[in-house]
Structure formats: C-alpha cells, structure tokens
N, C-alpha and C. Protein backbone atom coordinates (compact mmCIF):
# COMPACT_ATOMS: atom_id res chain seq x y z
N MET A 1 -23.34 102.00 -9.81
CA MET A 1 -24.03 101.23 -10.54
C MET A 1 -25.44 100.58 -9.87
N ALA A 2 -26.52 100.84 -10.17
CA ALA A 2 -27.93 100.43 -9.55
C ALA A 2 -27.74 99.13 -9.36
N SER A 3 -27.59 98.50 -8.41
CA SER A 3 -27.21 96.94 -8.16
C SER A 3 -28.43 96.13 -7.89
N LYS A 4 -29.74 96.73 -8.30
CA LYS A 4 -30.83 95.66 -8.12
C LYS A 4 -30.80 94.42 -9.19
N TYR A 5 -29.91 94.63 -10.46
CA TYR A 5 -29.75 93.48 -11.06
C TYR A 5 -28.79 92.41 -10.46
N ILE A 6 -28.02 92.66 -9.75
CA ILE A 6 -26.97 91.79 -9.25
C ILE A 6 -27.19 91.04 -7.75
N ASP A 7 -26.66 89.89 -7.75
CA ASP A 7 -26.65 89.30 -6.06
C ASP A 7 -25.70 89.97 -5.55
N ALA A 8 -25.68 89.69 -3.87
CA ALA A 8 -25.00 90.15 -3.02
C ALA A 8 -23.53 89.47 -3.33
N ASP A 9 -23.59 88.17 -3.76
CA ASP A 9 -22.45 87.44 -4.10
C ASP A 9 -21.44 88.00 -5.29
N ASP A 10 -22.25 88.97 -5.82
CA ASP A 10 -21.46 89.11 -7.01
C ASP A 10 -20.81 90.71 -6.93
N ILE A 11 -21.03 91.29 -5.90
CA ILE A 11 -20.39 92.39 -5.48
C ILE A 11 -18.98 92.93 -5.45
N ALA A 12 -18.12 91.67 -5.09
CA ALA A 12 -16.83 91.60 -4.83
C ALA A 12 -16.35 91.66 -6.18
N ASP A 13 -16.95 90.73 -7.40
CA ASP A 13 -16.40 91.04 -8.43
C ASP A 13 -16.51 92.27 -9.18
N PHE A 14 -17.43 93.13 -9.04
CA PHE A 14 -17.70 94.27 -9.73
C PHE A 14 -16.58 95.46 -9.06
N VAL A 15 -16.35 95.27 -7.64
CA VAL A 15 -15.51 96.00 -6.92
C VAL A 15 -13.94 95.76 -7.24
N ALA A 16 -13.65 94.56 -7.87
CA ALA A 16 -12.21 93.95 -8.49
C ALA A 16 -12.19 94.94 -9.70
N ASN A 17 -13.45 95.07 -10.54
CA ASN A 17 -13.21 95.51 -11.75
C ASN A 17 -13.40 97.13 -11.83
N GLY A 18 -13.46 97.61 -10.81
CA GLY A 18 -13.26 99.06 -10.59
C GLY A 18 -14.48 99.70 -10.08
N ILE A 19 -15.74 99.01 -10.15
CA ILE A 19 -16.84 99.71 -9.82
C ILE A 19 -17.08 99.87 -8.30
N THR A 20 -17.14 101.03 -8.02
CA THR A 20 -17.00 101.29 -6.14
C THR A 20 -18.06 101.92 -5.81
N ASP A 21 -19.17 102.37 -6.60
CA ASP A 21 -20.54 103.11 -6.24
C ASP A 21 -21.56 102.29 -6.44
N PHE A 22 -22.38 101.81 -5.52
CA PHE A 22 -23.41 100.95 -5.74
C PHE A 22 -24.84 101.76 -5.27
N GLY A 23 -26.15 101.69 -6.00
CA GLY A 23 -27.15 101.86 -5.44
C GLY A 23 -28.55 101.13 -5.48
N GLU A 24 -29.34 101.35 -4.65
CA GLU A 24 -30.58 100.56 -4.44
C GLU A 24 -31.50 101.48 -4.32
N SER A 25 -32.81 100.94 -4.88
CA SER A 25 -34.31 101.87 -5.09
C SER A 25 -35.11 101.42 -3.82
N ARG A 26 -34.95 99.99 -3.31
CA ARG A 26 -35.69 99.63 -2.30
C ARG A 26 -34.95 99.39 -1.08
N VAL A 27 -35.45 99.70 0.29
CA VAL A 27 -34.88 99.59 1.45
C VAL A 27 -34.51 98.20 1.66
N GLU A 28 -35.60 97.15 1.43
CA GLU A 28 -35.29 95.72 1.74
C GLU A 28 -34.29 95.16 1.02
N ALA A 29 -33.99 95.48 -0.35
CA ALA A 29 -33.21 95.08 -1.01
C ALA A 29 -31.61 95.44 -0.56
N PHE A 30 -31.69 96.92 0.01
CA PHE A 30 -30.40 97.55 0.22
C PHE A 30 -30.09 96.87 1.34
N MET A 31 -30.79 96.36 2.60
CA MET A 31 -30.46 96.17 4.13
C MET A 31 -30.03 94.50 3.52
N GLU A 32 -30.52 93.67 2.22
CA GLU A 32 -30.16 92.58 2.19
C GLU A 32 -28.49 92.70 1.81
N LYS A 33 -28.26 93.68 1.18
CA LYS A 33 -26.90 93.72 0.62
C LYS A 33 -25.77 94.60 1.62
N VAL A 34 -26.39 95.42 2.62
CA VAL A 34 -25.50 96.35 3.29
C VAL A 34 -24.26 95.48 4.05
N GLU A 35 -24.12 94.36 4.58
CA GLU A 35 -23.41 93.59 4.99
C GLU A 35 -22.25 93.10 4.07
N VAL A 36 -22.44 93.19 3.03
CA VAL A 36 -21.35 92.64 1.45
C VAL A 36 -21.01 94.22 1.43
N PHE A 37 -21.71 95.13 1.13
CA PHE A 37 -20.88 96.63 0.94
C PHE A 37 -20.07 97.01 2.00
N ASP A 38 -20.27 96.49 3.13
CA ASP A 38 -19.60 96.97 4.56
C ASP A 38 -18.07 96.42 4.45
N GLN A 39 -18.15 95.10 3.58
CA GLN A 39 -16.95 94.65 3.63
C GLN A 39 -15.96 95.13 2.42
N HIS A 40 -16.20 96.22 1.60
CA HIS A 40 -15.80 96.18 0.50
C HIS A 40 -15.41 97.74 0.34
N PRO A 41 -14.51 98.74 0.01
CA PRO A 41 -14.17 99.97 0.07
C PRO A 41 -15.42 100.70 -1.12
N VAL A 42 -16.51 100.84 -0.84
CA VAL A 42 -17.53 101.17 -1.65
C VAL A 42 -18.25 102.14 -0.95
N LYS A 43 -19.08 102.99 -1.99
CA LYS A 43 -20.02 104.06 -1.60
C LYS A 43 -21.33 103.67 -1.59
N LYS A 44 -21.90 103.85 -0.74
CA LYS A 44 -23.53 103.14 -0.69
C LYS A 44 -24.36 104.42 -1.10
N HIS A 45 -25.09 104.07 -2.32
CA HIS A 45 -25.91 105.12 -2.76
C HIS A 45 -27.70 104.67 -2.48
N PHE A 46 -28.66 105.43 -1.99
CA PHE A 46 -29.59 105.04 -2.05
C PHE A 46 -30.65 106.03 -2.94
N LEU A 47 -31.63 105.29 -3.83
CA LEU A 47 -31.91 105.82 -4.94
C LEU A 47 -33.48 106.32 -4.91
N GLY A 48 -34.11 105.44 -4.34
CA GLY A 48 -35.61 105.31 -4.46
C GLY A 48 -36.00 106.43 -3.37
N PRO A 49 -37.58 106.46 -3.19
CA PRO A 49 -38.13 107.12 -2.14
C PRO A 49 -37.97 106.36 -0.89
N VAL A 50 -38.06 107.11 0.29
CA VAL A 50 -37.97 106.61 1.72
C VAL A 50 -39.22 106.78 2.32
N GLN A 51 -39.82 105.97 2.69
CA GLN A 51 -40.96 106.29 3.82
C GLN A 51 -40.27 106.47 5.20
N SER A 52 -41.23 107.24 6.24
CA SER A 52 -40.66 107.69 7.18
C SER A 52 -40.27 106.50 8.08
N LYS A 53 -41.01 105.39 8.30
CA LYS A 53 -40.74 104.41 8.87
C LYS A 53 -39.47 103.52 8.64
N LYS A 54 -39.08 104.00 7.39
CA LYS A 54 -37.93 103.10 7.17
C LYS A 54 -36.51 103.81 7.11
N VAL A 55 -36.48 105.19 7.35
CA VAL A 55 -35.29 106.34 7.67
C VAL A 55 -34.61 105.45 8.61
N LYS A 56 -34.94 104.94 9.77
CA LYS A 56 -34.16 104.54 10.77
C LYS A 56 -33.05 103.34 10.31
N LYS A 57 -33.76 102.64 9.73
CA LYS A 57 -33.06 101.50 8.89
C LYS A 57 -31.99 102.01 8.26
N LEU A 58 -32.26 102.79 7.14
CA LEU A 58 -31.26 103.59 6.14
C LEU A 58 -29.85 104.30 7.15
N ALA A 59 -30.37 105.08 7.93
CA ALA A 59 -29.52 106.45 8.70
C ALA A 59 -28.45 105.32 9.13
N ASN A 60 -27.19 106.21 8.57
CA ASN A 60 -25.81 105.49 8.99
C ASN A 60 -25.60 104.44 8.38
N HIS A 61 -26.15 103.97 7.22
CA HIS A 61 -25.70 102.75 6.42
C HIS A 61 -25.40 103.55 5.10
N ILE A 62 -26.02 104.38 5.03
CA ILE A 62 -26.19 104.95 3.02
C ILE A 62 -24.94 106.04 3.24
N ASP A 63 -24.22 106.29 2.21
CA ASP A 63 -23.42 107.35 2.20
C ASP A 63 -24.00 108.90 1.39
N VAL A 64 -24.90 108.15 0.43
CA VAL A 64 -25.38 109.32 -0.62
C VAL A 64 -26.98 108.84 -0.49
N LEU A 65 -28.05 110.14 -0.48
CA LEU A 65 -29.34 109.84 -0.90
C LEU A 65 -29.78 110.56 -2.07
N HIS A 66 -30.49 110.10 -2.99
CA HIS A 66 -30.44 110.75 -4.00
C HIS A 66 -32.23 111.40 -4.16
N SER A 67 -32.77 111.14 -3.47
CA SER A 67 -34.08 111.32 -3.44
C SER A 67 -35.02 111.83 -2.30
N LEU A 68 -34.45 112.89 -1.46
CA LEU A 68 -35.04 113.85 -0.92
C LEU A 68 -35.80 114.84 -1.32
N ASP A 69 -37.26 114.59 -1.05
CA ASP A 69 -37.99 115.78 -1.45
C ASP A 69 -39.27 116.21 -0.67
N ARG A 70 -38.96 115.62 0.43
CA ARG A 70 -39.85 115.85 2.09
C ARG A 70 -39.23 116.18 3.08
N LEU A 71 -39.82 117.37 3.77
CA LEU A 71 -39.25 117.89 5.09
C LEU A 71 -38.94 116.69 6.02
N LYS A 72 -40.10 116.19 6.10
CA LYS A 72 -40.08 114.94 7.02
C LYS A 72 -39.33 114.16 7.06
N ILE A 73 -39.01 113.95 5.88
CA ILE A 73 -37.67 112.60 5.70
C ILE A 73 -36.29 113.20 6.21
N ALA A 74 -36.28 114.71 5.79
CA ALA A 74 -35.15 115.56 5.91
C ALA A 74 -34.99 115.24 7.69
N LYS A 75 -35.91 115.78 8.09
CA LYS A 75 -35.92 115.58 9.73
C LYS A 75 -35.50 114.73 10.40
N LEU A 76 -36.04 113.43 9.95
CA LEU A 76 -35.66 112.29 10.44
C LEU A 76 -34.34 111.66 10.08
N PHE A 77 -33.71 111.98 8.85
CA PHE A 77 -32.38 111.55 8.70
C PHE A 77 -31.31 112.65 9.40
N ASN A 78 -31.81 113.67 9.71
CA ASN A 78 -30.79 114.80 10.44
C ASN A 78 -31.06 114.19 11.99
N GLN A 79 -32.10 113.73 12.51
CA GLN A 79 -32.23 113.09 13.85
C GLN A 79 -31.62 112.04 14.03
N TYR A 80 -31.32 111.06 13.11
CA TYR A 80 -30.92 109.58 13.34
C TYR A 80 -29.45 109.75 12.93
N GLN A 81 -28.91 110.44 11.96
CA GLN A 81 -27.34 110.42 11.38
C GLN A 81 -26.45 110.68 12.52
N GLN A 82 -25.10 110.02 12.68
CA GLN A 82 -24.14 110.22 13.43
C GLN A 82 -23.29 110.97 12.85
N LYS A 83 -23.31 111.21 11.61
CA LYS A 83 -22.28 111.76 10.52
C LYS A 83 -23.12 112.45 9.56
N PRO A 84 -22.52 113.70 8.93
CA PRO A 84 -23.58 114.14 7.50
C PRO A 84 -23.72 113.19 6.57
N LEU A 85 -24.88 113.40 5.63
CA LEU A 85 -25.03 112.56 4.88
C LEU A 85 -25.24 113.45 3.60
N THR A 86 -24.61 112.92 2.79
CA THR A 86 -24.89 113.50 1.37
C THR A 86 -26.26 113.44 0.72
N VAL A 87 -26.83 114.60 0.44
CA VAL A 87 -28.20 114.32 -0.26
C VAL A 87 -28.39 115.03 -1.75
N PHE A 88 -29.11 114.48 -2.50
CA PHE A 88 -29.51 115.44 -3.50
C PHE A 88 -30.95 115.81 -3.41
N ILE A 89 -31.62 116.60 -3.74
CA ILE A 89 -33.02 116.99 -3.77
C ILE A 89 -33.93 116.04 -5.46
N GLN A 90 -34.54 115.60 -5.05
CA GLN A 90 -35.20 115.16 -6.28
C GLN A 90 -36.44 115.83 -6.48
N VAL A 91 -36.27 115.86 -7.87
CA VAL A 91 -37.25 116.95 -8.52
C VAL A 91 -37.98 116.15 -9.69
N ASN A 92 -39.34 116.48 -9.88
CA ASN A 92 -40.07 115.67 -10.67
C ASN A 92 -40.13 116.53 -12.00
N ILE A 93 -39.01 116.05 -12.58
CA ILE A 93 -38.69 116.63 -14.07
C ILE A 93 -39.63 116.45 -15.22
N SER A 94 -40.22 115.24 -15.19
CA SER A 94 -41.52 114.86 -16.11
C SER A 94 -42.53 115.30 -15.83
N ASP A 95 -42.98 115.82 -14.79
CA ASP A 95 -44.35 116.24 -14.07
C ASP A 95 -45.10 115.12 -14.06
N GLU A 96 -44.84 114.09 -14.20
CA GLU A 96 -45.60 112.90 -13.93
C GLU A 96 -46.19 112.43 -12.41
N PRO A 97 -47.65 112.56 -12.31
CA PRO A 97 -48.24 112.42 -10.98
C PRO A 97 -47.72 111.26 -10.30
N GLN A 98 -47.20 110.27 -10.91
CA GLN A 98 -47.02 108.95 -10.05
C GLN A 98 -45.30 108.99 -10.01
N LYS A 99 -44.84 109.93 -10.35
CA LYS A 99 -43.25 110.01 -9.80
C LYS A 99 -43.21 111.21 -8.59
N HIS A 100 -42.39 110.78 -7.65
CA HIS A 100 -41.83 111.54 -6.62
C HIS A 100 -40.93 112.77 -7.19
N GLY A 101 -41.15 113.41 -6.37
CA GLY A 101 -40.18 114.51 -6.40
C GLY A 101 -40.61 116.01 -6.33
N LEU A 102 -39.98 117.07 -6.11
CA LEU A 102 -40.78 118.53 -5.75
C LEU A 102 -40.86 118.99 -7.27
N ALA A 103 -42.01 119.71 -7.20
CA ALA A 103 -42.02 120.65 -8.34
C ALA A 103 -40.93 121.63 -8.70
N PHE A 104 -40.74 122.28 -9.76
CA PHE A 104 -39.45 122.95 -9.99
C PHE A 104 -39.66 124.36 -9.27
N LYS A 105 -40.89 124.93 -8.99
CA LYS A 105 -41.25 126.14 -8.07
C LYS A 105 -40.89 126.02 -6.43
N ASP A 106 -41.20 124.72 -6.29
CA ASP A 106 -40.42 124.36 -4.76
C ASP A 106 -39.41 123.94 -4.44
N VAL A 107 -38.27 124.10 -5.21
CA VAL A 107 -37.10 123.60 -4.72
C VAL A 107 -36.48 124.61 -4.02
N PRO A 108 -36.26 126.12 -4.55
CA PRO A 108 -35.91 127.11 -3.60
C PRO A 108 -36.24 127.12 -2.21
N ALA A 109 -37.50 127.35 -1.88
CA ALA A 109 -38.06 127.13 -0.46
C ALA A 109 -37.41 125.92 0.23
N PHE A 110 -37.61 124.66 -0.33
CA PHE A 110 -37.10 123.36 -0.01
C PHE A 110 -35.63 123.73 0.61
N LEU A 111 -34.68 124.20 -0.44
CA LEU A 111 -33.14 124.21 0.09
C LEU A 111 -32.84 125.45 1.34
N THR A 112 -34.11 126.32 1.43
CA THR A 112 -33.70 127.06 2.30
C THR A 112 -33.98 126.35 3.71
N GLU A 113 -34.98 125.31 3.92
CA GLU A 113 -35.65 125.09 4.78
C GLU A 113 -34.45 123.77 5.27
N LEU A 114 -33.82 123.39 4.12
CA LEU A 114 -32.76 122.28 4.33
C LEU A 114 -31.31 122.88 5.39
N LYS A 115 -31.42 124.24 5.32
CA LYS A 115 -30.22 124.70 6.05
C LYS A 115 -30.39 124.37 7.55
N ALA A 116 -31.42 124.06 7.99
CA ALA A 116 -31.76 124.04 9.59
C ALA A 116 -30.92 122.75 9.92
N PHE A 117 -30.56 122.01 9.11
CA PHE A 117 -30.34 120.66 9.36
C PHE A 117 -29.00 120.20 9.19
N ASP A 118 -28.02 120.25 10.09
CA ASP A 118 -26.58 120.13 10.45
C ASP A 118 -25.99 118.88 9.98
N LYS A 119 -26.92 117.85 9.70
CA LYS A 119 -26.52 116.40 9.50
C LYS A 119 -26.40 116.32 8.03
N LEU A 120 -27.33 117.24 7.26
CA LEU A 120 -27.52 116.84 5.84
C LEU A 120 -26.62 117.76 4.84
N GLU A 121 -25.87 117.27 3.89
CA GLU A 121 -24.93 117.94 2.96
C GLU A 121 -25.68 117.95 1.70
N VAL A 122 -26.29 118.80 1.18
CA VAL A 122 -27.23 119.07 0.03
C VAL A 122 -26.12 119.47 -1.04
N VAL A 123 -25.78 118.67 -2.21
CA VAL A 123 -24.74 118.44 -2.96
C VAL A 123 -25.40 118.96 -4.61
N GLY A 124 -26.55 118.68 -4.64
CA GLY A 124 -27.01 118.56 -6.13
C GLY A 124 -28.58 118.29 -6.11
N LEU A 125 -29.02 118.03 -7.74
CA LEU A 125 -30.37 117.66 -7.87
C LEU A 125 -30.41 116.60 -8.48
N MET A 126 -31.57 115.64 -8.42
CA MET A 126 -31.76 114.69 -9.07
C MET A 126 -33.06 114.84 -9.84
N GLY A 127 -33.04 114.22 -10.97
CA GLY A 127 -34.31 114.04 -11.53
C GLY A 127 -34.51 112.72 -12.56
N MET A 128 -35.64 112.39 -12.70
CA MET A 128 -35.99 110.82 -13.48
C MET A 128 -36.82 111.34 -14.90
N ALA A 129 -36.30 111.36 -15.79
CA ALA A 129 -36.96 111.53 -17.24
C ALA A 129 -38.24 110.74 -17.54
N SER A 130 -39.18 111.29 -18.17
CA SER A 130 -40.28 110.48 -18.66
C SER A 130 -39.83 109.14 -19.24
N HIS A 131 -40.84 108.15 -19.22
CA HIS A 131 -40.15 106.96 -19.67
C HIS A 131 -41.09 106.83 -20.92
N THR A 132 -40.09 107.24 -21.66
CA THR A 132 -40.56 107.35 -23.16
C THR A 132 -39.91 107.05 -24.39
N SER A 133 -39.91 106.97 -25.81
CA SER A 133 -39.21 106.82 -26.66
C SER A 133 -38.79 108.12 -27.64
N ASN A 134 -39.74 109.34 -26.77
CA ASN A 134 -39.43 110.88 -27.31
C ASN A 134 -37.97 111.08 -26.63
N GLN A 135 -36.86 111.07 -27.60
CA GLN A 135 -35.71 111.68 -27.52
C GLN A 135 -35.53 112.98 -26.64
N SER A 136 -36.17 113.96 -27.65
CA SER A 136 -36.44 115.33 -27.41
C SER A 136 -37.35 115.80 -26.24
N LEU A 137 -38.16 115.07 -25.85
CA LEU A 137 -38.80 115.20 -24.50
C LEU A 137 -37.74 115.14 -23.48
N ILE A 138 -37.18 113.91 -23.37
CA ILE A 138 -36.16 113.37 -22.60
C ILE A 138 -35.24 114.54 -22.15
N GLU A 139 -34.72 114.89 -23.43
CA GLU A 139 -33.61 115.59 -23.43
C GLU A 139 -34.03 117.09 -22.72
N SER A 140 -35.14 117.76 -23.18
CA SER A 140 -35.57 119.03 -22.58
C SER A 140 -35.67 118.74 -20.88
N GLU A 141 -36.23 117.43 -20.71
CA GLU A 141 -36.42 117.62 -19.32
C GLU A 141 -35.19 117.62 -18.52
N PHE A 142 -34.08 116.81 -18.98
CA PHE A 142 -32.68 116.90 -18.41
C PHE A 142 -31.99 118.37 -18.47
N ALA A 143 -32.19 119.19 -19.64
CA ALA A 143 -31.83 120.32 -19.52
C ALA A 143 -32.35 121.47 -18.63
N LYS A 144 -33.99 121.00 -18.42
CA LYS A 144 -34.49 122.04 -17.56
C LYS A 144 -34.02 121.88 -15.96
N LEU A 145 -33.49 120.79 -15.71
CA LEU A 145 -33.09 120.08 -14.42
C LEU A 145 -31.38 121.02 -14.35
N LYS A 146 -30.89 120.89 -15.30
CA LYS A 146 -29.53 121.56 -15.35
C LYS A 146 -29.68 123.07 -15.18
N GLN A 147 -30.82 123.87 -15.92
CA GLN A 147 -31.16 125.08 -15.66
C GLN A 147 -31.41 125.34 -14.44
N LEU A 148 -32.44 124.95 -13.60
CA LEU A 148 -32.56 124.94 -12.05
C LEU A 148 -31.19 124.86 -11.30
N ARG A 149 -30.33 123.73 -11.53
CA ARG A 149 -29.48 123.75 -10.66
C ARG A 149 -28.51 125.14 -11.04
N ASP A 150 -28.21 125.45 -11.98
CA ASP A 150 -27.66 126.32 -12.74
C ASP A 150 -28.08 127.85 -11.66
N SER A 151 -29.28 128.09 -11.97
CA SER A 151 -29.97 129.35 -11.35
C SER A 151 -29.87 129.16 -10.02
N LEU A 152 -29.55 128.23 -9.29
CA LEU A 152 -29.44 128.16 -7.82
C LEU A 152 -28.50 128.03 -7.04
N LYS A 153 -27.40 127.80 -7.98
CA LYS A 153 -25.86 127.83 -7.66
C LYS A 153 -25.29 129.20 -6.83
N ASP A 154 -25.56 130.42 -7.30
CA ASP A 154 -25.15 131.69 -6.62
C ASP A 154 -25.48 131.33 -5.18
N HIS A 155 -26.78 131.09 -5.00
CA HIS A 155 -27.39 131.23 -3.48
C HIS A 155 -27.00 130.01 -2.81
N HIS A 156 -26.63 128.86 -3.60
CA HIS A 156 -26.45 127.76 -2.93
C HIS A 156 -25.32 126.92 -3.51
N PRO A 157 -23.95 127.59 -3.10
CA PRO A 157 -22.78 127.04 -3.87
C PRO A 157 -22.54 125.53 -3.79
N SER A 158 -23.36 124.78 -2.66
CA SER A 158 -23.01 123.32 -2.42
C SER A 158 -23.49 122.58 -3.59
N LEU A 159 -24.62 123.15 -4.63
CA LEU A 159 -25.11 122.39 -5.64
C LEU A 159 -24.41 122.26 -6.82
N GLN A 160 -23.47 121.30 -6.66
CA GLN A 160 -22.60 121.17 -7.68
C GLN A 160 -22.69 119.88 -8.85
N TYR A 161 -23.64 118.98 -8.19
CA TYR A 161 -24.17 117.97 -9.19
C TYR A 161 -25.54 117.70 -9.42
N LEU A 162 -25.54 116.49 -10.57
CA LEU A 162 -26.58 116.44 -11.43
C LEU A 162 -26.76 115.02 -11.37
N SER A 163 -27.97 114.30 -10.71
CA SER A 163 -28.13 113.12 -10.59
C SER A 163 -29.26 112.68 -11.62
N MET A 164 -29.22 112.33 -13.01
CA MET A 164 -29.85 111.95 -13.99
C MET A 164 -29.48 111.12 -14.85
N GLY A 165 -30.12 110.33 -15.60
CA GLY A 165 -30.08 109.33 -16.62
C GLY A 165 -29.81 107.98 -16.01
N MET A 166 -30.33 107.06 -16.93
CA MET A 166 -30.40 105.55 -16.29
C MET A 166 -29.87 104.96 -17.52
N SER A 167 -29.88 103.69 -17.63
CA SER A 167 -29.41 102.75 -19.06
C SER A 167 -29.92 103.19 -19.99
N ASN A 168 -31.11 103.43 -20.08
CA ASN A 168 -31.62 103.88 -21.22
C ASN A 168 -31.74 105.10 -21.89
N ASP A 169 -31.01 106.04 -21.17
CA ASP A 169 -31.03 107.79 -21.60
C ASP A 169 -29.86 108.27 -20.69
N TYR A 170 -29.02 107.78 -20.64
CA TYR A 170 -27.71 107.94 -20.03
C TYR A 170 -26.80 109.23 -21.10
N ALA A 171 -26.78 108.84 -22.29
CA ALA A 171 -25.99 109.58 -23.02
C ALA A 171 -26.87 111.00 -23.26
N LEU A 172 -27.96 110.92 -23.35
CA LEU A 172 -28.47 112.29 -23.46
C LEU A 172 -28.23 113.33 -21.83
N ALA A 173 -28.27 112.27 -20.79
CA ALA A 173 -28.11 112.85 -19.63
C ALA A 173 -26.71 113.40 -19.41
N LEU A 174 -25.88 112.76 -20.04
CA LEU A 174 -24.25 113.43 -20.16
C LEU A 174 -24.26 114.51 -20.67
N LYS A 175 -24.97 114.68 -22.11
CA LYS A 175 -25.25 116.02 -22.77
C LYS A 175 -25.35 117.07 -21.92
N HIS A 176 -26.61 116.74 -20.85
CA HIS A 176 -26.48 118.06 -20.12
C HIS A 176 -25.86 117.87 -18.75
N GLY A 177 -25.17 117.62 -18.80
CA GLY A 177 -24.21 117.77 -17.44
C GLY A 177 -24.59 116.72 -16.26
N ALA A 178 -25.05 115.75 -16.44
CA ALA A 178 -25.17 114.69 -15.51
C ALA A 178 -23.74 114.27 -15.09
N THR A 179 -23.60 114.28 -13.55
CA THR A 179 -22.15 113.92 -12.88
C THR A 179 -22.63 112.54 -12.34
N HIS A 180 -23.80 112.19 -12.35
CA HIS A 180 -23.97 110.81 -11.21
C HIS A 180 -25.09 110.33 -12.20
N LEU A 181 -24.98 108.97 -12.74
CA LEU A 181 -25.90 108.15 -13.52
C LEU A 181 -26.10 107.02 -12.71
N ARG A 182 -27.52 106.56 -13.04
CA ARG A 182 -28.08 105.19 -12.43
C ARG A 182 -28.01 104.06 -13.58
N LEU A 183 -26.81 103.42 -13.69
CA LEU A 183 -26.81 102.26 -14.69
C LEU A 183 -27.02 101.08 -14.04
N GLY A 184 -27.60 100.22 -14.67
CA GLY A 184 -27.82 98.97 -14.58
C GLY A 184 -27.54 97.76 -15.54
N ARG A 185 -28.51 97.77 -15.98
CA ARG A 185 -28.74 96.72 -17.14
C ARG A 185 -27.67 96.76 -18.27
N VAL A 186 -27.26 98.14 -18.49
CA VAL A 186 -26.25 98.34 -19.66
C VAL A 186 -24.76 97.86 -19.11
N LEU A 187 -24.65 97.95 -17.64
CA LEU A 187 -23.48 97.18 -17.44
C LEU A 187 -23.11 95.85 -17.16
N LEU A 188 -24.43 95.00 -17.62
CA LEU A 188 -24.25 93.46 -17.74
C LEU A 188 -23.81 93.33 -18.63
N LYS A 189 -23.11 92.06 -18.59
CA LYS A 189 -22.59 91.16 -19.95
C LYS A 189 -23.85 91.05 -20.62
N GLU A 190 -24.88 89.92 -20.02
CA GLU A 190 -25.86 89.63 -20.80
C GLU A 190 -26.73 90.71 -21.38
N ASP A 191 -26.85 91.52 -21.27
CA ASP A 191 -27.57 92.73 -22.11
C ASP A 191 -26.72 93.31 -23.13
N GLN A 192 -25.32 93.32 -22.96
CA GLN A 192 -24.30 93.65 -24.02
C GLN A 192 -24.20 92.55 -25.22
N ARG A 193 -24.37 91.37 -24.81
CA ARG A 193 -24.45 90.42 -25.70
C ARG A 193 -25.52 90.53 -27.07
N GLY A 194 -26.80 90.91 -26.52
CA GLY A 194 -27.88 91.16 -27.30
C GLY A 194 -27.71 92.22 -28.32
C-alpha cells in the first residue's frame, strides 16, 4: 500500500486487515512512520527517487527500493547496507523528461554494473506510466516494460518482478504482468464511497 494517504496511527488497522506491505515516496514521510512500521510485521518499500544525501537515512530501514536508476545511489546503498537490499531498477517508460528512470537502452549496462554490489539484490523493473486518460498509451508503456524484462531474464534470471500500476491504472498493469502495485487512494473507504 502506498501509505502517503494514511497516518502513522492507522497503520495497525491496515495490518490487522491483512495489508503488510507499505510504501512511501518521500524520505521525510517514511522516517515519520518508520518507528510505527517497525512495531509490526510489515515489509517497508521506498517508491520515490532518493537523493544521495538521504541514502544513509534510508539504509537498513527499508526492505525494498523500487526506484534505483543511478550508479551513485547504488554505491551508497551498498556502502551503508548491513544486509542485502531488494531493489527494482526504475525505467522511464513514458519517456517524459520530468520523470526519473533509465532509458530502455541503458538498462542492460546498468544491470551489469550492479553485479559489483553484493548488498543489492536486483529483482525486477519499475515503471510509471504517463499521467493521461489515454488507456492505449498506458497499456503500451506497461507492455514495453514487460517486454524489456522478458528480454533480459535469460542473462539476469533474478529479474522476476514488475513494479507498475497505481490506483488509476492498476488493472492495465495487471494485464501486462505487474507483480507489485502502488495502490493508495483506491484502498481507502472514502474513495470507495464516491
């Protein structure tokens, strides 16, 4: 669950109802909730971009990083992590300049470079579709990420997962093999009443 929509005090209620994966996109918001997360049997995901000066804060507090797209960040996490960190490589599937992530063509070389880091366990690719009502465009972007993952699996068998799809496009992401969804608003009762 993308937990930016819930207060730390409500986490226990979600855990009691079977939600045990929580993700934050901002370091400050994550750090505000980390003590509460640590009181429960949950998996902590970090979804957003990480500045190099914030890596030390996050290291050893998160279980999964969904947004790795720079070698500098990889080096820092590898330096600070005491145990292996599960990571997804972020790919800019919408080709929008304001979005983070590697270009499709740069992913193979980045994967090869990451093999040098023993504290990073690369398990998949992550992508955020265009913010648009054009369902065909969104679907094509998810399809391209799946095709990229499938084309790399022979040489990188650890690439098992696809992190893609949010509250507004998760059905299309599932259609194209998403294994990890970033759901927030759609899980909250307020949004389901309307």
